[in-house]
Amino acid sequence: MPRAYVLINCDLGSEKNVISSLKSTENVIEVHGTLGLYDIVSKIESDSEEKIQKTITNVIRKIPKIQSTVTLTRSEGKELFQASEKLIGSMLGKNNVQAYVVIHGDKGEEYNILKNLSHIQEVKEADVVFGYYDVICKIETSDYKLMENIITKGIRKLPHVRTTMTLNVIIEQET
């Protein structure tokens, strides 16, 4: 199924209102406020690339208070992250610390990075994307120290990973 991630910057203090607007937008299946270079990350899915493009161009980019967006379009490839045991911890409420990590990798090695990420239990989903970054993944853990270890001693040490940027999810903005 076609998927895209939109990294959003908005006016200071408008994050909750923008998140609320995004949550009521058709095709937007996930939205989180984040700490880092971007204020909000949203995940969009639809049955066609055209519908995703229209959602981003005609709806999301026109939401008041949004200053800029970066769109990462998922590459169609092997599904290494399917609903499985990886979701049990989050469904039971054990994984209340979440982050998205965007990755720059060696050219042509995106699917090898994705395969290696699939072996890290705390990486709940990941996609090879087109756009400014090569791979995006979502991590869920029980505490920040574990999150730090997964990123610094796990993801950043994977073969072919050049740089990473972490966007910590801010749970308080989601209510």
C-alpha atoms as a PDB file:
ATOM      1  CA  MET A   1       0.000   0.000   0.000  1.00  0.00           C
ATOM      2  CA  PRO A   2       1.393   3.445  -0.863  1.00  0.00           C
ATOM      3  CA  ARG A   3       2.738   5.322   2.163  1.00  0.00           C
ATOM      4  CA  ALA A   4       4.440   8.635   2.862  1.00  0.00           C
ATOM      5  CA  TYR A   5       5.814  10.395   5.906  1.00  0.00           C
ATOM      6  CA  VAL A   6       5.497  14.165   6.223  1.00  0.00           C
ATOM      7  CA  LEU A   7       7.917  15.977   8.527  1.00  0.00           C
ATOM      8  CA  ILE A   8       6.368  19.299   9.516  1.00  0.00           C
ATOM      9  CA  ASN A   9       7.484  22.593  11.034  1.00  0.00           C
ATOM     10  CA  CYS A  10       4.791  24.906  12.350  1.00  0.00           C
ATOM     11  CA  ASP A  11       4.380  28.159  14.244  1.00  0.00           C
ATOM     12  CA  LEU A  12       5.659  28.032  17.818  1.00  0.00           C
ATOM     13  CA  GLY A  13       2.879  26.958  20.168  1.00  0.00           C
ATOM     14  CA  SER A  14       0.546  25.733  17.416  1.00  0.00           C
ATOM     15  CA  GLU A  15       1.611  22.076  17.540  1.00  0.00           C
ATOM     16  CA  LYS A  16      -1.494  20.762  19.339  1.00  0.00           C
ATOM     17  CA  ASN A  17      -3.869  22.519  16.921  1.00  0.00           C
ATOM     18  CA  VAL A  18      -1.950  21.280  13.876  1.00  0.00           C
ATOM     19  CA  ILE A  19      -1.865  17.734  15.294  1.00  0.00           C
ATOM     20  CA  SER A  20      -5.606  17.898  15.886  1.00  0.00           C
ATOM     21  CA  SER A  21      -6.206  19.040  12.293  1.00  0.00           C
ATOM     22  CA  LEU A  22      -3.962  16.295  10.937  1.00  0.00           C
ATOM     23  CA  LYS A  23      -5.729  13.607  12.978  1.00  0.00           C
ATOM     24  CA  SER A  24      -9.013  14.493  11.281  1.00  0.00           C
ATOM     25  CA  THR A  25      -7.470  14.455   7.799  1.00  0.00           C
ATOM     26  CA  GLU A  26      -8.401  11.576   5.505  1.00  0.00           C
ATOM     27  CA  ASN A  27      -5.522   9.164   4.796  1.00  0.00           C
ATOM     28  CA  VAL A  28      -3.464  10.394   7.796  1.00  0.00           C
ATOM     29  CA  ILE A  29      -3.099   7.283   9.942  1.00  0.00           C
ATOM     30  CA  GLU A  30      -0.573   8.470  12.532  1.00  0.00           C
ATOM     31  CA  VAL A  31       0.551  11.873  13.867  1.00  0.00           C
ATOM     32  CA  HIS A  32       3.069  12.731  16.594  1.00  0.00           C
ATOM     33  CA  GLY A  33       4.598  15.891  17.992  1.00  0.00           C
ATOM     34  CA  THR A  34       8.369  15.542  18.136  1.00  0.00           C
ATOM     35  CA  LEU A  35      11.501  17.061  19.592  1.00  0.00           C
ATOM     36  CA  GLY A  36      14.212  17.676  17.061  1.00  0.00           C
ATOM     37  CA  LEU A  37      14.584  19.405  13.723  1.00  0.00           C
ATOM     38  CA  TYR A  38      10.874  18.908  12.929  1.00  0.00           C
ATOM     39  CA  ASP A  39       7.861  19.665  15.119  1.00  0.00           C
ATOM     40  CA  ILE A  40       5.524  16.948  13.861  1.00  0.00           C
ATOM     41  CA  VAL A  41       5.782  13.670  11.964  1.00  0.00           C
ATOM     42  CA  SER A  42       2.737  12.198  10.225  1.00  0.00           C
ATOM     43  CA  LYS A  43       2.231   8.942   8.369  1.00  0.00           C
ATOM     44  CA  ILE A  44      -0.128   8.809   5.405  1.00  0.00           C
ATOM     45  CA  GLU A  45      -1.477   5.722   3.651  1.00  0.00           C
ATOM     46  CA  SER A  46      -3.877   5.370   0.772  1.00  0.00           C
ATOM     47  CA  ASP A  47      -4.686   3.018  -2.057  1.00  0.00           C
ATOM     48  CA  SER A  48      -2.900   5.271  -4.568  1.00  0.00           C
ATOM     49  CA  GLU A  49       0.105   7.589  -4.788  1.00  0.00           C
ATOM     50  CA  GLU A  50      -2.198  10.198  -6.348  1.00  0.00           C
ATOM     51  CA  LYS A  51      -4.438  10.300  -3.253  1.00  0.00           C
ATOM     52  CA  ILE A  52      -1.394  10.711  -1.016  1.00  0.00           C
ATOM     53  CA  GLN A  53      -0.117  13.547  -3.195  1.00  0.00           C
ATOM     54  CA  LYS A  54      -3.517  15.274  -3.080  1.00  0.00           C
ATOM     55  CA  THR A  55      -3.723  14.860   0.703  1.00  0.00           C
ATOM     56  CA  ILE A  56      -0.320  16.491   1.140  1.00  0.00           C
ATOM     57  CA  THR A  57      -0.718  19.246  -1.450  1.00  0.00           C
ATOM     58  CA  ASN A  58      -4.391  20.132  -1.112  1.00  0.00           C
ATOM     59  CA  VAL A  59      -4.940  19.533   2.605  1.00  0.00           C
ATOM     60  CA  ILE A  60      -1.837  19.269   4.797  1.00  0.00           C
ATOM     61  CA  ARG A  61       0.166  22.106   3.250  1.00  0.00           C
ATOM     62  CA  LYS A  62      -2.890  24.365   3.544  1.00  0.00           C
ATOM     63  CA  ILE A  63      -3.411  23.810   7.284  1.00  0.00           C
ATOM     64  CA  PRO A  64      -2.963  27.173   9.038  1.00  0.00           C
ATOM     65  CA  LYS A  65       0.238  27.568  11.069  1.00  0.00           C
ATOM     66  CA  ILE A  66       2.245  25.009   9.043  1.00  0.00           C
ATOM     67  CA  GLN A  67       5.447  26.693   7.884  1.00  0.00           C
ATOM     68  CA  SER A  68       7.178  23.901   5.941  1.00  0.00           C
ATOM     69  CA  THR A  69       6.994  20.215   5.116  1.00  0.00           C
ATOM     70  CA  VAL A  70       9.395  17.515   3.987  1.00  0.00           C
ATOM     71  CA  THR A  71       7.757  14.521   2.322  1.00  0.00           C
ATOM     72  CA  LEU A  72       9.371  11.080   2.374  1.00  0.00           C
ATOM     73  CA  THR A  73       7.642   8.704  -0.024  1.00  0.00           C
ATOM     74  CA  ARG A  74       7.923   5.023   0.739  1.00  0.00           C
ATOM     75  CA  SER A  75       9.687   2.874  -1.800  1.00  0.00           C
ATOM     76  CA  GLU A  76       7.746  -0.228  -2.720  1.00  0.00           C
ATOM     77  CA  GLY A  77       9.845  -3.115  -1.593  1.00  0.00           C
ATOM     78  CA  LYS A  78       9.929  -6.126   0.640  1.00  0.00           C
ATOM     79  CA  GLU A  79       7.797  -5.887   3.764  1.00  0.00           C
ATOM     80  CA  LEU A  80      10.149  -6.712   6.618  1.00  0.00           C
ATOM     81  CA  PHE A  81       7.979  -5.065   9.258  1.00  0.00           C
ATOM     82  CA  GLN A  82       4.599  -6.765   9.394  1.00  0.00           C
ATOM     83  CA  ALA A  83       2.197  -6.988  12.319  1.00  0.00           C
ATOM     84  CA  SER A  84       3.828  -9.493  14.604  1.00  0.00           C
ATOM     85  CA  GLU A  85       5.350 -10.049  18.009  1.00  0.00           C
ATOM     86  CA  LYS A  86       6.990  -6.611  17.684  1.00  0.00           C
ATOM     87  CA  LEU A  87       3.618  -4.994  18.300  1.00  0.00           C
ATOM     88  CA  ILE A  88       2.749  -6.854  21.492  1.00  0.00           C
ATOM     89  CA  GLY A  89       4.723  -4.564  23.832  1.00  0.00           C
ATOM     90  CA  SER A  90       3.134  -1.425  22.417  1.00  0.00           C
ATOM     91  CA  MET A  91      -0.342  -2.961  22.522  1.00  0.00           C
ATOM     92  CA  LEU A  92       0.146  -3.809  26.187  1.00  0.00           C
ATOM     93  CA  GLY A  93       1.228  -0.242  26.934  1.00  0.00           C
ATOM     94  CA  LYS A  94       4.779  -1.176  27.893  1.00  0.00           C
ATOM     95  CA  ASN A  95       6.460   0.960  25.240  1.00  0.00           C
ATOM     96  CA  ASN A  96       5.605   4.514  26.159  1.00  0.00           C
ATOM     97  CA  VAL A  97       8.876   6.006  24.846  1.00  0.00           C
ATOM     98  CA  GLN A  98       8.796   6.458  21.081  1.00  0.00           C
ATOM     99  CA  ALA A  99      10.977   8.069  18.448  1.00  0.00           C
ATOM    100  CA  TYR A 100      11.400   8.199  14.712  1.00  0.00           C
ATOM    101  CA  VAL A 101      14.913   7.923  13.348  1.00  0.00           C
ATOM    102  CA  VAL A 102      15.686   9.116   9.829  1.00  0.00           C
ATOM    103  CA  ILE A 103      18.796   7.667   8.272  1.00  0.00           C
ATOM    104  CA  HIS A 104      21.234   8.603   5.528  1.00  0.00           C
ATOM    105  CA  GLY A 105      22.977   5.486   4.245  1.00  0.00           C
ATOM    106  CA  ASP A 106      25.504   4.389   1.689  1.00  0.00           C
ATOM    107  CA  LYS A 107      24.155   4.634  -1.844  1.00  0.00           C
ATOM    108  CA  GLY A 108      22.377   1.459  -2.906  1.00  0.00           C
ATOM    109  CA  GLU A 109      22.424  -0.080   0.580  1.00  0.00           C
ATOM    110  CA  GLU A 110      18.978   1.070   1.769  1.00  0.00           C
ATOM    111  CA  TYR A 111      17.426  -2.411   1.765  1.00  0.00           C
ATOM    112  CA  ASN A 112      20.401  -3.871   3.635  1.00  0.00           C
ATOM    113  CA  ILE A 113      19.898  -1.201   6.311  1.00  0.00           C
ATOM    114  CA  LEU A 114      16.195  -2.078   6.412  1.00  0.00           C
ATOM    115  CA  LYS A 115      16.998  -5.783   6.778  1.00  0.00           C
ATOM    116  CA  ASN A 116      19.406  -5.053   9.639  1.00  0.00           C
ATOM    117  CA  LEU A 117      16.823  -2.838  11.366  1.00  0.00           C
ATOM    118  CA  SER A 118      14.321  -5.707  11.225  1.00  0.00           C
ATOM    119  CA  HIS A 119      16.548  -7.628  13.664  1.00  0.00           C
ATOM    120  CA  ILE A 120      16.310  -4.931  16.360  1.00  0.00           C
ATOM    121  CA  GLN A 121      13.289  -5.779  18.502  1.00  0.00           C
ATOM    122  CA  GLU A 122      12.551  -2.174  19.466  1.00  0.00           C
ATOM    123  CA  VAL A 123      12.318  -1.068  15.829  1.00  0.00           C
ATOM    124  CA  LYS A 124       8.590  -1.511  15.284  1.00  0.00           C
ATOM    125  CA  GLU A 125       8.469  -0.430  11.643  1.00  0.00           C
ATOM    126  CA  ALA A 126      10.771   0.956   8.989  1.00  0.00           C
ATOM    127  CA  ASP A 127      10.629   1.972   5.355  1.00  0.00           C
ATOM    128  CA  VAL A 128      13.048   2.830   2.588  1.00  0.00           C
ATOM    129  CA  VAL A 129      11.958   6.291   1.442  1.00  0.00           C
ATOM    130  CA  PHE A 130      12.571   8.729  -1.378  1.00  0.00           C
ATOM    131  CA  GLY A 131      13.270  12.293  -0.357  1.00  0.00           C
ATOM    132  CA  TYR A 132      15.929  13.914   1.756  1.00  0.00           C
ATOM    133  CA  TYR A 133      16.527  10.737   3.794  1.00  0.00           C
ATOM    134  CA  ASP A 134      16.994   7.080   2.789  1.00  0.00           C
ATOM    135  CA  VAL A 135      15.287   5.150   5.606  1.00  0.00           C
ATOM    136  CA  ILE A 136      12.856   6.033   8.379  1.00  0.00           C
ATOM    137  CA  CYS A 137      12.133   3.820  11.360  1.00  0.00           C
ATOM    138  CA  LYS A 138       9.952   3.967  14.442  1.00  0.00           C
ATOM    139  CA  ILE A 139      11.351   2.814  17.767  1.00  0.00           C
ATOM    140  CA  GLU A 140       9.328   2.004  20.879  1.00  0.00           C
ATOM    141  CA  THR A 141      10.912   1.248  24.240  1.00  0.00           C
ATOM    142  CA  SER A 142      10.025   1.225  27.912  1.00  0.00           C
ATOM    143  CA  ASP A 143      12.461   4.013  28.904  1.00  0.00           C
ATOM    144  CA  TYR A 144      14.766   6.700  27.523  1.00  0.00           C
ATOM    145  CA  LYS A 145      18.003   4.971  28.534  1.00  0.00           C
ATOM    146  CA  LEU A 146      17.060   1.928  26.474  1.00  0.00           C
ATOM    147  CA  MET A 147      16.103   4.226  23.585  1.00  0.00           C
ATOM    148  CA  GLU A 148      19.502   5.897  23.791  1.00  0.00           C
ATOM    149  CA  ASN A 149      21.280   2.519  23.741  1.00  0.00           C
ATOM    150  CA  ILE A 150      19.242   1.243  20.771  1.00  0.00           C
ATOM    151  CA  ILE A 151      20.111   4.334  18.741  1.00  0.00           C
ATOM    152  CA  THR A 152      23.752   4.820  19.716  1.00  0.00           C
ATOM    153  CA  LYS A 153      24.872   1.208  20.101  1.00  0.00           C
ATOM    154  CA  GLY A 154      22.471  -0.416  17.656  1.00  0.00           C
ATOM    155  CA  ILE A 155      21.253   1.703  14.759  1.00  0.00           C
ATOM    156  CA  ARG A 156      24.271   4.007  14.416  1.00  0.00           C
ATOM    157  CA  LYS A 157      26.620   1.002  14.411  1.00  0.00           C
ATOM    158  CA  LEU A 158      24.805  -0.827  11.587  1.00  0.00           C
ATOM    159  CA  PRO A 159      26.750  -1.340   8.371  1.00  0.00           C
ATOM    160  CA  HIS A 160      26.078   1.300   5.682  1.00  0.00           C
ATOM    161  CA  VAL A 161      24.504   3.834   8.097  1.00  0.00           C
ATOM    162  CA  ARG A 162      26.213   7.200   7.610  1.00  0.00           C
ATOM    163  CA  THR A 163      24.126   9.618   9.688  1.00  0.00           C
ATOM    164  CA  THR A 164      20.949   9.549  11.746  1.00  0.00           C
ATOM    165  CA  MET A 165      18.559  12.121  13.167  1.00  0.00           C
ATOM    166  CA  THR A 166      16.228  11.258  16.021  1.00  0.00           C
ATOM    167  CA  LEU A 167      12.775  12.780  16.467  1.00  0.00           C
ATOM    168  CA  ASN A 168      11.546  11.963  19.977  1.00  0.00           C
ATOM    169  CA  VAL A 169       7.775  11.698  20.187  1.00  0.00           C
ATOM    170  CA  ILE A 170       6.096  14.070  22.657  1.00  0.00           C
ATOM    171  CA  ILE A 171       3.154  12.124  24.096  1.00  0.00           C
ATOM    172  CA  GLU A 172       1.675  15.206  25.835  1.00  0.00           C
ATOM    173  CA  GLN A 173       0.881  16.873  22.495  1.00  0.00           C
ATOM    174  CA  GLU A 174      -1.308  14.002  21.379  1.00  0.00           C
ATOM    175  CA  THR A 175      -4.223  14.662  23.737  1.00  0.00           C
END
